[in-house]
């Protein structure tokens, strides 16, 4: 994500679905001169790690970590059910490629601000081809009424993709 993509200086509100231990929040939060990032995960163990990792961002109000499933009831119970976000993203969250995700996509659409975007990022698990996951996720998004744009990048952090492929 570049400066423009993270919302640096623009008052952007971001939501991460399935934050795990909070690595993305830790990387994005310092880029936000205004705006904030809220991260959710259904695992209390993971959100405890994310809270610890992101204590500074939480103290400054730039980040918030919540234990919640990505469901209307879960978000409401966590006190964030009425919030809208400019960008919602998920990294390696399988619900968007392993099933129809109708309720989750409807919820994402409802929680997105006007002109908001949903981003899904995947690194294929061992034994799976990335193009299979991309195809399945794109199909789920299309059926959920989302326009898709596929961007492929390096397979490992720090590598540059081969432009000839």
C-alpha atoms as a PDB file:
ATOM      1  CA  UNK A   1       0.000   0.000   0.000  1.00  0.00           C
ATOM      2  CA  UNK A   2       1.326   3.403  -0.908  1.00  0.00           C
ATOM      3  CA  UNK A   3       0.719   6.737   0.802  1.00  0.00           C
ATOM      4  CA  UNK A   4      -2.406   7.367  -1.224  1.00  0.00           C
ATOM      5  CA  UNK A   5      -3.679   3.845  -0.662  1.00  0.00           C
ATOM      6  CA  UNK A   6      -3.383   3.911   3.120  1.00  0.00           C
ATOM      7  CA  UNK A   7      -5.089   7.270   3.317  1.00  0.00           C
ATOM      8  CA  UNK A   8      -2.108   9.230   4.632  1.00  0.00           C
ATOM      9  CA  UNK A   9      -3.290  12.691   5.511  1.00  0.00           C
ATOM     10  CA  UNK A  10      -6.809  12.185   4.202  1.00  0.00           C
ATOM     11  CA  UNK A  11      -8.794  11.239   7.292  1.00  0.00           C
ATOM     12  CA  UNK A  12      -9.382   7.742   5.988  1.00  0.00           C
ATOM     13  CA  UNK A  13     -11.065   5.115   8.113  1.00  0.00           C
ATOM     14  CA  UNK A  14      -9.778   1.600   7.537  1.00  0.00           C
ATOM     15  CA  UNK A  15     -11.072  -1.766   8.725  1.00  0.00           C
ATOM     16  CA  UNK A  16      -8.999  -4.923   8.695  1.00  0.00           C
ATOM     17  CA  UNK A  17     -10.928  -8.198   8.815  1.00  0.00           C
ATOM     18  CA  UNK A  18      -8.975 -11.027  10.458  1.00  0.00           C
ATOM     19  CA  UNK A  19      -6.077  -9.016  11.856  1.00  0.00           C
ATOM     20  CA  UNK A  20      -4.315 -11.942  13.511  1.00  0.00           C
ATOM     21  CA  UNK A  21      -1.466 -10.636  15.634  1.00  0.00           C
ATOM     22  CA  UNK A  22      -1.781  -7.090  14.259  1.00  0.00           C
ATOM     23  CA  UNK A  23       1.143  -6.921  11.837  1.00  0.00           C
ATOM     24  CA  UNK A  24      -0.728  -4.917   9.171  1.00  0.00           C
ATOM     25  CA  UNK A  25      -2.009  -2.470  11.786  1.00  0.00           C
ATOM     26  CA  UNK A  26       1.541  -2.001  13.036  1.00  0.00           C
ATOM     27  CA  UNK A  27       2.745  -1.221   9.506  1.00  0.00           C
ATOM     28  CA  UNK A  28      -0.152   1.046   8.495  1.00  0.00           C
ATOM     29  CA  UNK A  29      -0.725   3.047  11.673  1.00  0.00           C
ATOM     30  CA  UNK A  30       2.496   5.121  11.434  1.00  0.00           C
ATOM     31  CA  UNK A  31       1.508   6.124   7.880  1.00  0.00           C
ATOM     32  CA  UNK A  32      -1.721   7.705   9.073  1.00  0.00           C
ATOM     33  CA  UNK A  33      -1.250  11.387   9.856  1.00  0.00           C
ATOM     34  CA  UNK A  34      -5.031  11.565  10.218  1.00  0.00           C
ATOM     35  CA  UNK A  35      -7.664   8.857  10.094  1.00  0.00           C
ATOM     36  CA  UNK A  36      -7.621   5.548  11.876  1.00  0.00           C
ATOM     37  CA  UNK A  37      -7.544   1.799  11.469  1.00  0.00           C
ATOM     38  CA  UNK A  38      -9.844  -0.640  13.256  1.00  0.00           C
ATOM     39  CA  UNK A  39      -8.826  -4.280  13.251  1.00  0.00           C
ATOM     40  CA  UNK A  40     -11.041  -7.231  14.097  1.00  0.00           C
ATOM     41  CA  UNK A  41     -10.358 -10.897  14.635  1.00  0.00           C
ATOM     42  CA  UNK A  42     -12.631 -13.575  16.045  1.00  0.00           C
ATOM     43  CA  UNK A  43      -9.785 -15.015  18.122  1.00  0.00           C
ATOM     44  CA  UNK A  44      -9.250 -13.416  21.537  1.00  0.00           C
ATOM     45  CA  UNK A  45      -5.723 -14.852  21.543  1.00  0.00           C
ATOM     46  CA  UNK A  46      -4.901 -13.036  18.292  1.00  0.00           C
ATOM     47  CA  UNK A  47      -6.470  -9.753  19.342  1.00  0.00           C
ATOM     48  CA  UNK A  48      -4.522  -9.884  22.641  1.00  0.00           C
ATOM     49  CA  UNK A  49      -1.325 -10.110  20.582  1.00  0.00           C
ATOM     50  CA  UNK A  50      -2.509  -7.328  18.280  1.00  0.00           C
ATOM     51  CA  UNK A  51      -3.357  -5.108  21.251  1.00  0.00           C
ATOM     52  CA  UNK A  52       0.112  -5.623  22.711  1.00  0.00           C
ATOM     53  CA  UNK A  53       1.861  -5.061  19.380  1.00  0.00           C
ATOM     54  CA  UNK A  54      -0.126  -1.878  18.689  1.00  0.00           C
ATOM     55  CA  UNK A  55      -0.283  -0.293  22.140  1.00  0.00           C
ATOM     56  CA  UNK A  56       1.199   3.003  20.905  1.00  0.00           C
ATOM     57  CA  UNK A  57      -1.327   3.380  18.080  1.00  0.00           C
ATOM     58  CA  UNK A  58      -4.166   2.544  20.432  1.00  0.00           C
ATOM     59  CA  UNK A  59      -2.960   5.165  22.950  1.00  0.00           C
ATOM     60  CA  UNK A  60      -2.904   7.831  20.223  1.00  0.00           C
ATOM     61  CA  UNK A  61      -6.329   6.851  18.922  1.00  0.00           C
ATOM     62  CA  UNK A  62      -5.011   5.908  15.485  1.00  0.00           C
ATOM     63  CA  UNK A  63      -5.792   2.216  15.919  1.00  0.00           C
ATOM     64  CA  UNK A  64      -8.401   0.068  17.589  1.00  0.00           C
ATOM     65  CA  UNK A  65      -8.347  -3.731  17.944  1.00  0.00           C
ATOM     66  CA  UNK A  66     -11.549  -5.628  18.661  1.00  0.00           C
ATOM     67  CA  UNK A  67     -12.398  -9.286  19.189  1.00  0.00           C
ATOM     68  CA  UNK A  68     -15.285  -9.873  16.817  1.00  0.00           C
ATOM     69  CA  UNK A  69     -16.399 -12.021  13.943  1.00  0.00           C
ATOM     70  CA  UNK A  70     -17.136 -10.121  10.748  1.00  0.00           C
ATOM     71  CA  UNK A  71     -20.885 -10.272  11.192  1.00  0.00           C
ATOM     72  CA  UNK A  72     -23.536  -7.651  11.895  1.00  0.00           C
ATOM     73  CA  UNK A  73     -24.150  -9.107  15.353  1.00  0.00           C
ATOM     74  CA  UNK A  74     -20.422  -9.331  16.122  1.00  0.00           C
ATOM     75  CA  UNK A  75     -19.703  -5.748  15.063  1.00  0.00           C
ATOM     76  CA  UNK A  76     -22.720  -4.468  17.003  1.00  0.00           C
ATOM     77  CA  UNK A  77     -21.664  -6.363  20.143  1.00  0.00           C
ATOM     78  CA  UNK A  78     -18.169  -4.890  19.780  1.00  0.00           C
ATOM     79  CA  UNK A  79     -19.589  -1.357  19.588  1.00  0.00           C
ATOM     80  CA  UNK A  80     -18.560  -0.733  15.975  1.00  0.00           C
ATOM     81  CA  UNK A  81     -21.716  -1.879  14.210  1.00  0.00           C
ATOM     82  CA  UNK A  82     -22.644   1.553  12.895  1.00  0.00           C
ATOM     83  CA  UNK A  83     -19.179   2.688  11.804  1.00  0.00           C
ATOM     84  CA  UNK A  84     -18.454   3.202   8.114  1.00  0.00           C
ATOM     85  CA  UNK A  85     -15.070   2.722   6.517  1.00  0.00           C
ATOM     86  CA  UNK A  86     -13.350   4.113   3.445  1.00  0.00           C
ATOM     87  CA  UNK A  87     -11.338   0.948   2.983  1.00  0.00           C
ATOM     88  CA  UNK A  88     -11.997  -2.557   4.230  1.00  0.00           C
ATOM     89  CA  UNK A  89      -9.305  -5.154   3.703  1.00  0.00           C
ATOM     90  CA  UNK A  90      -8.512  -8.739   4.566  1.00  0.00           C
ATOM     91  CA  UNK A  91      -5.223 -10.596   4.238  1.00  0.00           C
ATOM     92  CA  UNK A  92      -5.395 -14.371   3.778  1.00  0.00           C
ATOM     93  CA  UNK A  93      -8.956 -14.566   5.105  1.00  0.00           C
ATOM     94  CA  UNK A  94     -10.342 -17.689   3.499  1.00  0.00           C
ATOM     95  CA  UNK A  95     -14.058 -16.992   3.868  1.00  0.00           C
ATOM     96  CA  UNK A  96     -13.976 -14.906   0.676  1.00  0.00           C
ATOM     97  CA  UNK A  97     -12.773 -17.801  -1.475  1.00  0.00           C
ATOM     98  CA  UNK A  98     -14.021 -20.950   0.235  1.00  0.00           C
ATOM     99  CA  UNK A  99     -17.754 -20.192   0.062  1.00  0.00           C
ATOM    100  CA  UNK A 100     -20.326 -17.701  -1.164  1.00  0.00           C
ATOM    101  CA  UNK A 101     -19.745 -15.180   1.687  1.00  0.00           C
ATOM    102  CA  UNK A 102     -23.091 -13.545   0.834  1.00  0.00           C
ATOM    103  CA  UNK A 103     -23.729 -12.166   4.330  1.00  0.00           C
ATOM    104  CA  UNK A 104     -20.148 -10.923   4.743  1.00  0.00           C
ATOM    105  CA  UNK A 105     -20.124  -9.185   1.358  1.00  0.00           C
ATOM    106  CA  UNK A 106     -23.487  -7.563   2.088  1.00  0.00           C
ATOM    107  CA  UNK A 107     -22.094  -6.398   5.429  1.00  0.00           C
ATOM    108  CA  UNK A 108     -18.946  -5.053   3.764  1.00  0.00           C
ATOM    109  CA  UNK A 109     -21.059  -3.123   1.279  1.00  0.00           C
ATOM    110  CA  UNK A 110     -23.182  -1.733   4.134  1.00  0.00           C
ATOM    111  CA  UNK A 111     -20.133  -0.699   6.184  1.00  0.00           C
ATOM    112  CA  UNK A 112     -18.307   0.941   3.275  1.00  0.00           C
ATOM    113  CA  UNK A 113     -18.593   4.706   2.999  1.00  0.00           C
ATOM    114  CA  UNK A 114     -19.595   6.119  -0.390  1.00  0.00           C
ATOM    115  CA  UNK A 115     -16.707   5.531  -2.795  1.00  0.00           C
ATOM    116  CA  UNK A 116     -15.279   3.001  -0.329  1.00  0.00           C
ATOM    117  CA  UNK A 117     -13.347  -0.061  -1.487  1.00  0.00           C
ATOM    118  CA  UNK A 118     -12.914  -3.651  -0.367  1.00  0.00           C
ATOM    119  CA  UNK A 119      -9.452  -5.185  -0.827  1.00  0.00           C
ATOM    120  CA  UNK A 120      -8.615  -8.857  -0.487  1.00  0.00           C
ATOM    121  CA  UNK A 121      -5.004 -10.015  -0.373  1.00  0.00           C
ATOM    122  CA  UNK A 122      -3.932 -13.646  -0.659  1.00  0.00           C
ATOM    123  CA  UNK A 123      -0.743 -15.602  -0.397  1.00  0.00           C
ATOM    124  CA  UNK A 124      -1.581 -19.170  -1.423  1.00  0.00           C
ATOM    125  CA  UNK A 125      -1.247 -21.805   1.278  1.00  0.00           C
ATOM    126  CA  UNK A 126       1.089 -24.736   0.553  1.00  0.00           C
ATOM    127  CA  UNK A 127      -0.319 -26.977  -2.132  1.00  0.00           C
ATOM    128  CA  UNK A 128      -2.677 -24.336  -3.599  1.00  0.00           C
ATOM    129  CA  UNK A 129      -2.087 -22.331  -6.728  1.00  0.00           C
ATOM    130  CA  UNK A 130      -2.622 -18.617  -6.483  1.00  0.00           C
ATOM    131  CA  UNK A 131      -4.609 -18.466  -9.704  1.00  0.00           C
ATOM    132  CA  UNK A 132      -7.127 -20.958  -8.250  1.00  0.00           C
ATOM    133  CA  UNK A 133      -7.688 -18.786  -5.179  1.00  0.00           C
ATOM    134  CA  UNK A 134      -7.867 -15.642  -7.297  1.00  0.00           C
ATOM    135  CA  UNK A 135     -10.474 -17.216  -9.551  1.00  0.00           C
ATOM    136  CA  UNK A 136     -12.578 -18.443  -6.641  1.00  0.00           C
ATOM    137  CA  UNK A 137     -12.378 -15.120  -4.782  1.00  0.00           C
ATOM    138  CA  UNK A 138     -13.160 -13.121  -7.944  1.00  0.00           C
ATOM    139  CA  UNK A 139     -16.193 -15.339  -8.585  1.00  0.00           C
ATOM    140  CA  UNK A 140     -17.458 -14.828  -5.015  1.00  0.00           C
ATOM    141  CA  UNK A 141     -16.963 -11.051  -5.311  1.00  0.00           C
ATOM    142  CA  UNK A 142     -18.677 -10.908  -8.710  1.00  0.00           C
ATOM    143  CA  UNK A 143     -21.674 -12.852  -7.371  1.00  0.00           C
ATOM    144  CA  UNK A 144     -21.729 -10.491  -4.384  1.00  0.00           C
ATOM    145  CA  UNK A 145     -22.040  -7.491  -6.684  1.00  0.00           C
ATOM    146  CA  UNK A 146     -18.462  -6.229  -6.371  1.00  0.00           C
ATOM    147  CA  UNK A 147     -16.387  -5.249  -9.380  1.00  0.00           C
ATOM    148  CA  UNK A 148     -13.016  -6.963  -9.307  1.00  0.00           C
ATOM    149  CA  UNK A 149      -9.553  -5.992 -10.352  1.00  0.00           C
ATOM    150  CA  UNK A 150      -6.810  -8.559  -9.918  1.00  0.00           C
ATOM    151  CA  UNK A 151      -3.292  -7.364  -9.203  1.00  0.00           C
ATOM    152  CA  UNK A 152      -0.605  -9.990  -8.842  1.00  0.00           C
ATOM    153  CA  UNK A 153       2.624  -9.279  -7.066  1.00  0.00           C
ATOM    154  CA  UNK A 154       5.735 -11.027  -5.809  1.00  0.00           C
ATOM    155  CA  UNK A 155       5.245 -14.398  -4.219  1.00  0.00           C
ATOM    156  CA  UNK A 156       7.580 -13.558  -1.354  1.00  0.00           C
ATOM    157  CA  UNK A 157       8.002 -10.322   0.558  1.00  0.00           C
ATOM    158  CA  UNK A 158      10.788  -8.240  -0.897  1.00  0.00           C
ATOM    159  CA  UNK A 159      10.851  -9.975  -4.291  1.00  0.00           C
ATOM    160  CA  UNK A 160       9.852  -8.155  -7.416  1.00  0.00           C
ATOM    161  CA  UNK A 161       7.507  -9.892  -9.839  1.00  0.00           C
ATOM    162  CA  UNK A 162       8.919 -10.992 -13.170  1.00  0.00           C
ATOM    163  CA  UNK A 163       7.289  -8.645 -15.744  1.00  0.00           C
ATOM    164  CA  UNK A 164       7.638 -11.289 -18.456  1.00  0.00           C
ATOM    165  CA  UNK A 165       5.120 -13.595 -16.724  1.00  0.00           C
END
